[in-house]
Amino acid sequence: MGTSLTLIEGGLADAVGLRAELRHPASLRETEVEAWRSLMARALEPSVYADPDFTLTMAQHLADGQTLALLMVWQDGLRAPVLRGVLPLRLPARQGLAGSARLWRLPLAGTAEAAVDAGHAAAVLRAALDHLRGSRLRLVDLHWPDLRPDSGLAVALGEAAGATGRRLAIADQTEAPLPEPAPLTLPAGRTSLERVRDPVRLRDAVEHFLVLDARRGAGSLLAEPAAATAFRVVTRRFAHRRQACVDLVRRDGEVVAAAVHLATGRHDTIWRQAGLCLARGPAPMKAPARVEAVVTVEALAAARPKPTALSRLMRLRA
């Protein structure tokens, strides 16, 4: 990373004995990374992009000089602390001046992701906000983009804000246009499909993918060496866990299309696709609308008797 970040230890306890800390992504020990992996099995909204092998790789290779931190929420256990939440944040570039923290929109994913324990979601977010309030960063608010209004994380954020009297504002978010599929111009011959899972062979399959992707020109992964390196590292790490595969489509032995799958537990995701569009299926369903939430770090009023869910706020706003 181009910018250093002083570690801010400690935090505030809440009803379930949670404590929070801000950590530099490169400072995590292997035991803490393993605790993060264990958290993924309990996450309210599992996503491969919230997995440590993805998030930490992006922070290492594609931080682009940004000031990044992991807001980690722990619960003390009988033998060892249990990780209940991880929020990757982009902090103000100039520390000491009042500013905003923002959930980091991860490169090569296009969305902001967080791993929050499903059994303690509202409490985790409340502990996170309390810690930001008490930090030396002089943060004014926390921006959370890419929320679905009816998602569990949105509801938990609304509850955490309402229970502590924090102001919560929401704004519509413009969806990025989907890329146009490549034209269907297959050479004549026999078509075959191969799914590569073996970690050793998967490296060659990833290179096939990159060659196909390079045909896009300036926007390809190979056009940005740091992005290509991050892509290779992510696939290698997931493959080591047997949670990655590459589909290769060949026509007369030539690879004409490829897709890279990543998985966290049972949740398989097609991460990237390259090459020709092999079939014209039905039009994809429109993705659910997303919003950006902005919650103040400082509590502005007495806690409300009943937590307010973000989904309820959306209905009132409409």
Foldseek 3Di string as FASTA:
>chain_A
DQDDDDWFDWFDQDDQGKIKTKADLVPDDPVVLVLQLVLLVQFQDRDPCQRNLNVSLQSVQPCVLFDKIWIWMWHQDPVGIHTFKIFIWGADNDFQDEEEIERDQGPLQRARDMGGGPVCQLVRVLRSLRRVLVDRRNYWKYKYWFAFLPGPNQQSPQQNCQQQQWDKDKDFDDDDDDDDFADADDDDADKDKDKFQQLVVQLVLLVLQQVQQCVVPCPGQVVPVSSSVSVSSSQNVQSVVSFKIKMFMDGVRRTAKMWIWGDSVPDIDGSDIGGHDNDDDDDDDDDRTIMMMMITSDRDDHRDPGRDGSSNVVVVVD
